[in-house]
């Protein structure tokens, strides 16, 4: 029985390696290791194409490969900047609908609202007491975001990487799918886990990153920047609920260059290369195949081809989101059930943490 269980765990680890980058070394676990994945997303509006291709598609694949997967709608993280209460509640449900429409299956993964599981915030306080201020000040995102705030940034903004660590460690997570911009925050999580283990005994596994191999989707108006929900240029970002006409318009207005040929060269031709990356991602083809198929097309014609491919990819998702957002009771039931399942895992871990540090 033990040998069979170990083989199953090893099998999952080997499959996970297909999603990660070469920097993620998936070592063979012990017999007692449970492969567990955790990730989350803030409810700050409808998903855009970059979110979907860069993260959520990978989440869908991972839930099919691993038997213990936790995905959270991170509403506590979202309030590090001012939020309208009614809009925040609506965004939580809209994000839940978007995730389900994109393929997240609440029967195969635990989908829940972060703030409902109170252990996240309580555990954050404990981990904050193990984390130094210089370590947090070292993180570049704090410097960037606080510099853009009139007040210099809130305490919540300063400590939200500690809350991220609590989110991950609370479930004894072994793997975290992240983008490259989150690598330093995951390194902080690893450091905090080591500090806890050194002080109180081996308790937390050291989580490893799973870096998505998909190319980063760039802004359609500024291909040197990544696509973002907060972009002030309305034509820069493709929302997954955009109409076909809106999608066609945004691609028609996408910034390229004065060369009409379709070639992939991110350094010298970032605009056209971004279109090719999008096209490859939505069709499952390589950039080489896309370029070969596009011989004879100028960039204006090619923009229409890419737009059509994106419209076809997003059509069923858009339709399902519209259906789900009209069923608020169903979405609330999914989140309630998910929170119950999350607490089943989080509560005993947090109880053991309190016992280890002398709080119970």
Protein backbone atom coordinates (compact mmCIF):
# COMPACT_ATOMS: atom_id res chain seq x y z
CA UNK A 1 0.00 0.00 0.00
CA UNK A 2 2.77 2.47 0.97
CA UNK A 3 4.76 1.61 -2.18
CA UNK A 4 1.69 2.18 -4.36
CA UNK A 5 1.04 5.58 -2.71
CA UNK A 6 4.64 6.65 -3.20
CA UNK A 7 4.49 5.71 -6.89
CA UNK A 8 1.32 7.79 -7.32
CA UNK A 9 2.96 10.82 -5.70
CA UNK A 10 6.04 10.45 -7.89
CA UNK A 11 3.80 10.20 -10.94
CA UNK A 12 2.12 13.51 -10.05
CA UNK A 13 5.50 15.19 -9.51
CA UNK A 14 6.70 14.08 -12.95
CA UNK A 15 3.53 15.43 -14.55
CA UNK A 16 3.90 18.74 -12.73
CA UNK A 17 7.35 19.17 -14.23
CA UNK A 18 5.72 19.62 -17.63
CA UNK A 19 4.14 22.87 -16.39
CA UNK A 20 7.17 24.34 -14.64
CA UNK A 21 10.28 25.96 -15.92
CA UNK A 22 13.73 24.42 -15.93
CA UNK A 23 14.47 26.39 -12.74
CA UNK A 24 11.91 24.30 -10.82
CA UNK A 25 13.54 21.06 -9.73
CA UNK A 26 10.84 18.59 -8.70
CA UNK A 27 12.67 16.25 -6.37
CA UNK A 28 11.24 12.91 -5.31
CA UNK A 29 9.07 13.33 -2.20
CA UNK A 30 9.02 11.17 0.89
CA UNK A 31 6.27 8.62 1.40
CA UNK A 32 4.34 11.06 3.61
CA UNK A 33 4.40 13.93 1.10
CA UNK A 34 1.08 15.15 -0.28
CA UNK A 35 1.37 17.08 -3.52
CA UNK A 36 -0.75 20.20 -3.04
CA UNK A 37 -1.19 23.26 -5.26
CA UNK A 38 -2.36 26.70 -4.14
CA UNK A 39 -2.89 29.88 -6.09
CA UNK A 40 -5.19 32.87 -6.02
CA UNK A 41 -6.38 35.92 -7.88
CA UNK A 42 -7.73 39.27 -6.71
CA UNK A 43 -11.37 40.17 -7.52
CA UNK A 44 -10.51 43.45 -9.18
CA UNK A 45 -12.73 43.08 -12.23
CA UNK A 46 -13.25 40.74 -15.15
CA UNK A 47 -10.29 38.64 -16.27
CA UNK A 48 -8.37 39.85 -19.28
CA UNK A 49 -6.75 37.79 -22.00
CA UNK A 50 -3.35 37.90 -20.31
CA UNK A 51 -4.81 36.53 -17.06
CA UNK A 52 -6.53 33.73 -18.91
CA UNK A 53 -3.63 32.64 -21.12
CA UNK A 54 -0.91 33.35 -18.57
CA UNK A 55 -2.48 31.78 -15.47
CA UNK A 56 -6.00 30.38 -15.60
CA UNK A 57 -5.45 27.95 -18.48
CA UNK A 58 -2.55 26.54 -16.49
CA UNK A 59 -4.76 26.26 -13.38
CA UNK A 60 -7.27 24.22 -15.38
CA UNK A 61 -4.54 21.81 -16.49
CA UNK A 62 -3.15 21.49 -12.97
CA UNK A 63 -6.51 20.60 -11.44
CA UNK A 64 -6.66 17.65 -13.83
CA UNK A 65 -3.19 16.46 -12.79
CA UNK A 66 -3.25 16.87 -9.02
CA UNK A 67 -5.79 15.62 -6.51
CA UNK A 68 -5.31 18.46 -3.99
CA UNK A 69 -5.73 21.92 -5.53
CA UNK A 70 -6.81 25.15 -3.82
CA UNK A 71 -7.77 28.27 -5.77
CA UNK A 72 -8.79 31.39 -3.86
CA UNK A 73 -10.54 34.65 -4.72
CA UNK A 74 -8.20 36.93 -2.76
CA UNK A 75 -10.47 39.67 -1.45
CA UNK A 76 -8.24 40.46 1.55
CA UNK A 77 -5.41 41.33 -0.83
CA UNK A 78 -7.67 43.57 -2.87
CA UNK A 79 -8.40 45.94 0.03
CA UNK A 80 -4.78 47.09 0.20
CA UNK A 81 -6.17 49.83 -2.05
CA UNK A 82 -9.56 51.52 -1.46
CA UNK A 83 -12.56 49.49 -2.63
CA UNK A 84 -16.23 50.34 -2.88
CA UNK A 85 -17.93 47.72 -0.64
CA UNK A 86 -20.80 46.92 -3.01
CA UNK A 87 -18.46 46.73 -6.01
CA UNK A 88 -16.08 44.45 -4.13
CA UNK A 89 -18.87 42.01 -3.28
CA UNK A 90 -20.00 42.04 -6.90
CA UNK A 91 -16.44 41.53 -8.15
CA UNK A 92 -16.00 38.45 -5.94
CA UNK A 93 -19.00 36.82 -7.64
CA UNK A 94 -17.92 38.00 -11.09
CA UNK A 95 -14.46 36.55 -10.59
CA UNK A 96 -15.96 33.27 -9.39
CA UNK A 97 -18.14 33.13 -12.50
CA UNK A 98 -15.13 33.92 -14.71
CA UNK A 99 -12.99 31.18 -13.18
CA UNK A 100 -15.72 28.56 -13.56
CA UNK A 101 -16.44 29.66 -17.13
CA UNK A 102 -12.73 29.35 -17.96
CA UNK A 103 -12.72 25.73 -16.78
CA UNK A 104 -12.07 25.73 -13.04
CA UNK A 105 -14.14 22.82 -11.75
CA UNK A 106 -15.30 23.19 -8.11
CA UNK A 107 -15.54 19.40 -7.89
CA UNK A 108 -11.89 18.92 -8.82
CA UNK A 109 -10.43 21.91 -6.98
CA UNK A 110 -11.30 23.87 -3.85
CA UNK A 111 -12.57 27.27 -5.01
CA UNK A 112 -13.19 29.68 -2.15
CA UNK A 113 -13.25 33.30 -0.95
CA UNK A 114 -10.13 34.08 1.07
CA UNK A 115 -11.69 36.24 3.81
CA UNK A 116 -14.28 33.61 4.75
CA UNK A 117 -11.49 31.35 6.00
CA UNK A 118 -10.44 33.43 9.01
CA UNK A 119 -7.26 31.42 9.57
CA UNK A 120 -5.62 33.30 6.69
CA UNK A 121 -5.62 36.62 8.55
CA UNK A 122 -4.81 35.05 11.93
CA UNK A 123 -1.89 33.10 10.51
CA UNK A 124 -0.62 36.24 8.76
CA UNK A 125 -0.15 37.89 12.17
CA UNK A 126 1.94 34.96 13.42
CA UNK A 127 4.14 34.94 10.31
CA UNK A 128 4.47 38.72 10.49
CA UNK A 129 6.07 38.28 13.89
CA UNK A 130 8.72 36.08 12.24
CA UNK A 131 9.44 38.50 9.39
CA UNK A 132 11.76 41.49 9.56
CA UNK A 133 10.91 44.91 8.14
CA UNK A 134 14.18 45.12 6.15
CA UNK A 135 13.21 41.87 4.40
CA UNK A 136 9.90 43.37 3.27
CA UNK A 137 11.50 46.69 2.32
CA UNK A 138 13.78 44.72 0.01
CA UNK A 139 10.85 43.67 -2.20
CA UNK A 140 10.69 45.85 -5.34
CA UNK A 141 6.90 45.81 -5.64
CA UNK A 142 6.53 47.68 -2.34
CA UNK A 143 8.85 50.39 -3.63
CA UNK A 144 6.90 50.72 -6.89
CA UNK A 145 3.39 50.66 -5.42
CA UNK A 146 4.11 52.83 -2.40
CA UNK A 147 5.81 55.42 -4.61
CA UNK A 148 2.57 55.76 -6.55
CA UNK A 149 0.50 56.35 -3.40
CA UNK A 150 -0.09 59.86 -1.99
CA UNK A 151 0.05 58.47 1.56
CA UNK A 152 3.22 56.48 0.92
CA UNK A 153 1.40 53.14 1.05
CA UNK A 154 -0.63 51.40 3.76
CA UNK A 155 0.56 48.87 6.32
CA UNK A 156 -1.59 46.32 4.50
CA UNK A 157 0.24 47.01 1.25
CA UNK A 158 3.57 46.68 3.07
CA UNK A 159 2.70 43.34 4.70
CA UNK A 160 0.63 41.73 1.95
CA UNK A 161 3.57 39.47 0.93
CA UNK A 162 3.32 38.02 4.46
CA UNK A 163 -0.38 37.37 3.88
CA UNK A 164 0.62 35.63 0.63
CA UNK A 165 2.95 33.42 2.64
CA UNK A 166 0.12 32.64 5.06
CA UNK A 167 -2.18 31.79 2.14
CA UNK A 168 0.34 29.29 0.81
CA UNK A 169 1.69 27.72 3.99
CA UNK A 170 -1.73 27.36 5.66
CA UNK A 171 -2.45 24.43 3.33
CA UNK A 172 1.05 22.95 3.47
CA UNK A 173 1.35 23.74 -0.21
CA UNK A 174 4.09 22.00 -2.21
CA UNK A 175 3.73 23.85 -5.53
CA UNK A 176 2.59 27.34 -6.50
CA UNK A 177 1.85 28.36 -10.11
CA UNK A 178 3.10 31.94 -10.45
CA UNK A 179 4.29 34.52 -12.94
CA UNK A 180 7.85 35.76 -13.00
CA UNK A 181 6.83 38.97 -11.20
CA UNK A 182 5.87 36.91 -8.13
CA UNK A 183 9.12 34.94 -7.79
CA UNK A 184 10.55 37.20 -5.08
CA UNK A 185 7.36 36.96 -3.04
CA UNK A 186 7.49 33.16 -3.21
CA UNK A 187 11.13 33.32 -2.11
CA UNK A 188 9.92 35.27 0.92
CA UNK A 189 7.40 32.48 1.61
CA UNK A 190 10.20 29.92 1.44
CA UNK A 191 12.32 31.99 3.83
CA UNK A 192 9.45 32.31 6.31
CA UNK A 193 8.80 28.56 6.14
CA UNK A 194 12.48 27.87 6.89
CA UNK A 195 12.47 30.32 9.80
CA UNK A 196 9.39 28.63 11.28
CA UNK A 197 10.85 25.14 10.76
CA UNK A 198 14.20 26.11 12.28
CA UNK A 199 12.52 27.61 15.33
CA UNK A 200 9.71 25.11 15.97
CA UNK A 201 10.73 21.94 14.12
CA UNK A 202 10.11 20.65 10.61
CA UNK A 203 6.47 21.41 9.92
CA UNK A 204 6.00 23.16 6.56
CA UNK A 205 7.16 21.84 3.19
CA UNK A 206 9.18 24.40 1.24
CA UNK A 207 6.92 25.28 -1.71
CA UNK A 208 8.26 25.28 -5.23
CA UNK A 209 7.24 27.53 -8.09
CA UNK A 210 5.57 26.35 -11.27
CA UNK A 211 6.37 28.96 -13.90
CA UNK A 212 4.02 28.97 -16.85
CA UNK A 213 5.85 28.39 -20.11
CA UNK A 214 3.37 30.56 -22.06
CA UNK A 215 4.75 33.82 -23.39
CA UNK A 216 3.66 36.92 -21.46
CA UNK A 217 0.81 38.78 -23.17
CA UNK A 218 1.59 42.44 -23.71
CA UNK A 219 -0.52 45.57 -23.93
CA UNK A 220 -1.96 46.13 -27.39
CA UNK A 221 -1.13 49.84 -27.13
CA UNK A 222 2.29 49.56 -25.49
CA UNK A 223 3.89 46.16 -26.22
CA UNK A 224 6.76 46.94 -23.84
CA UNK A 225 4.31 46.60 -20.92
CA UNK A 226 2.24 43.59 -19.92
CA UNK A 227 -1.51 43.57 -20.45
CA UNK A 228 -3.24 44.92 -17.34
CA UNK A 229 -6.76 45.52 -16.01
CA UNK A 230 -5.64 48.88 -14.68
CA UNK A 231 -4.36 50.21 -18.01
CA UNK A 232 -5.82 53.67 -18.59
CA UNK A 233 -5.98 53.06 -22.34
CA UNK A 234 -9.25 51.24 -23.10
CA UNK A 235 -7.89 49.75 -26.32
CA UNK A 236 -4.88 48.20 -24.60
CA UNK A 237 -6.56 45.25 -22.89
CA UNK A 238 -8.80 42.44 -24.12
CA UNK A 239 -11.38 41.47 -21.50
CA UNK A 240 -12.64 37.90 -21.76
CA UNK A 241 -16.19 39.34 -21.87
CA UNK A 242 -15.47 41.77 -24.72
CA UNK A 243 -17.85 41.56 -27.67
CA UNK A 244 -16.54 40.34 -31.05
CA UNK A 245 -16.77 43.90 -32.38
CA UNK A 246 -14.72 45.25 -29.46
CA UNK A 247 -12.09 42.55 -29.89
CA UNK A 248 -11.81 43.26 -33.61
CA UNK A 249 -11.47 47.00 -32.97
CA UNK A 250 -8.78 46.57 -30.32
CA UNK A 251 -6.66 44.34 -32.54
CA UNK A 252 -7.15 46.64 -35.52
CA UNK A 253 -5.80 49.50 -33.38
CA UNK A 254 -2.96 47.43 -31.90
CA UNK A 255 0.45 49.10 -32.12
CA UNK A 256 2.85 47.41 -34.56
CA UNK A 257 5.46 49.08 -36.80
CA UNK A 258 6.07 50.18 -40.39
CA UNK A 259 7.14 46.73 -41.66
CA UNK A 260 4.24 44.85 -43.24
CA UNK A 261 5.72 41.34 -43.07
CA UNK A 262 4.67 39.05 -40.19
CA UNK A 263 7.82 38.01 -38.31
CA UNK A 264 8.54 37.03 -34.71
CA UNK A 265 11.25 39.22 -33.20
CA UNK A 266 10.31 40.42 -29.68
CA UNK A 267 13.34 42.69 -29.39
CA UNK A 268 13.02 44.71 -32.57
CA UNK A 269 9.33 44.08 -33.37
CA UNK A 270 7.52 43.82 -30.01
CA UNK A 271 4.07 44.76 -31.33
CA UNK A 272 3.83 42.15 -34.10
CA UNK A 273 5.56 39.58 -31.90
CA UNK A 274 2.92 40.15 -29.22
CA UNK A 275 0.18 39.44 -31.77
CA UNK A 276 1.96 36.24 -32.78
CA UNK A 277 2.29 35.20 -29.13
CA UNK A 278 -1.45 35.75 -28.61
CA UNK A 279 -2.27 33.84 -31.80
CA UNK A 280 -0.04 30.93 -30.78
CA UNK A 281 -1.52 30.81 -27.28
CA UNK A 282 -5.16 30.73 -28.35
CA UNK A 283 -4.58 28.14 -31.10
CA UNK A 284 -2.04 25.91 -29.33
CA UNK A 285 0.46 26.33 -32.15
CA UNK A 286 4.10 27.35 -32.00
CA UNK A 287 5.25 30.81 -33.03
CA UNK A 288 7.15 29.19 -35.90
CA UNK A 289 3.98 27.55 -37.21
CA UNK A 290 2.09 30.82 -36.94
CA UNK A 291 4.74 32.75 -38.88
CA UNK A 292 4.84 30.06 -41.58
CA UNK A 293 1.05 30.17 -42.00
CA UNK A 294 1.09 33.96 -42.22
CA UNK A 295 3.45 34.27 -45.17
CA UNK A 296 1.92 36.67 -47.68
CA UNK A 297 -0.18 38.53 -45.13
CA UNK A 298 0.54 42.11 -44.19
CA UNK A 299 0.15 43.21 -40.58
CA UNK A 300 -3.30 44.74 -41.19
CA UNK A 301 -4.60 41.45 -42.59
CA UNK A 302 -2.86 39.51 -39.85
CA UNK A 303 -4.50 41.57 -37.10
CA UNK A 304 -7.90 40.43 -38.41
CA UNK A 305 -6.73 36.80 -38.36
CA UNK A 306 -5.59 37.09 -34.74
CA UNK A 307 -8.81 38.83 -33.74
CA UNK A 308 -10.88 36.03 -35.30
CA UNK A 309 -8.88 33.39 -33.41
CA UNK A 310 -9.34 35.22 -30.11
CA UNK A 311 -13.07 35.71 -30.73
CA UNK A 312 -13.46 32.00 -31.41
CA UNK A 313 -11.50 31.09 -28.27
CA UNK A 314 -13.40 33.42 -25.95
CA UNK A 315 -16.94 32.98 -27.35
CA UNK A 316 -17.96 30.00 -25.16
CA UNK A 317 -16.31 31.54 -22.09
CA UNK A 318 -18.12 34.85 -22.59
CA UNK A 319 -21.45 33.06 -23.02
CA UNK A 320 -20.92 31.00 -19.87
CA UNK A 321 -19.95 34.05 -17.80
CA UNK A 322 -23.16 35.81 -18.80
CA UNK A 323 -25.15 32.72 -17.79
CA UNK A 324 -23.37 32.28 -14.46
CA UNK A 325 -23.53 35.92 -13.37
CA UNK A 326 -27.32 35.67 -13.46
CA UNK A 327 -27.19 32.78 -10.97
CA UNK A 328 -25.90 34.51 -7.85
CA UNK A 329 -27.29 31.82 -5.55
CA UNK A 330 -25.29 29.16 -7.36
CA UNK A 331 -22.08 31.18 -7.20
CA UNK A 332 -22.57 31.84 -3.48
CA UNK A 333 -23.14 28.13 -2.86
CA UNK A 334 -19.91 27.28 -4.69
CA UNK A 335 -17.95 29.72 -2.52
CA UNK A 336 -19.62 28.52 0.68
CA UNK A 337 -18.89 24.89 -0.08
CA UNK A 338 -15.33 25.77 -1.09
CA UNK A 339 -14.74 27.70 2.14
CA UNK A 340 -16.00 24.72 4.17
CA UNK A 341 -13.56 22.44 2.38
CA UNK A 342 -10.71 24.94 2.77
CA UNK A 343 -11.37 25.25 6.52
CA UNK A 344 -11.23 21.46 6.84
CA UNK A 345 -7.59 21.73 5.80
CA UNK A 346 -6.71 25.10 7.30
CA UNK A 347 -8.15 24.67 10.80
CA UNK A 348 -6.07 21.66 11.90
CA UNK A 349 -2.90 23.17 10.42
CA UNK A 350 -3.50 26.44 12.24
CA UNK A 351 -4.34 24.56 15.46
CA UNK A 352 -0.98 22.74 15.22
CA UNK A 353 0.80 26.04 14.54
CA UNK A 354 -0.69 27.62 17.67
CA UNK A 355 0.28 24.58 19.69
CA UNK A 356 3.85 24.67 18.39
CA UNK A 357 4.36 28.34 19.25
CA UNK A 358 2.64 28.13 22.64
CA UNK A 359 -0.74 29.75 21.95
CA UNK A 360 -2.78 26.66 22.83
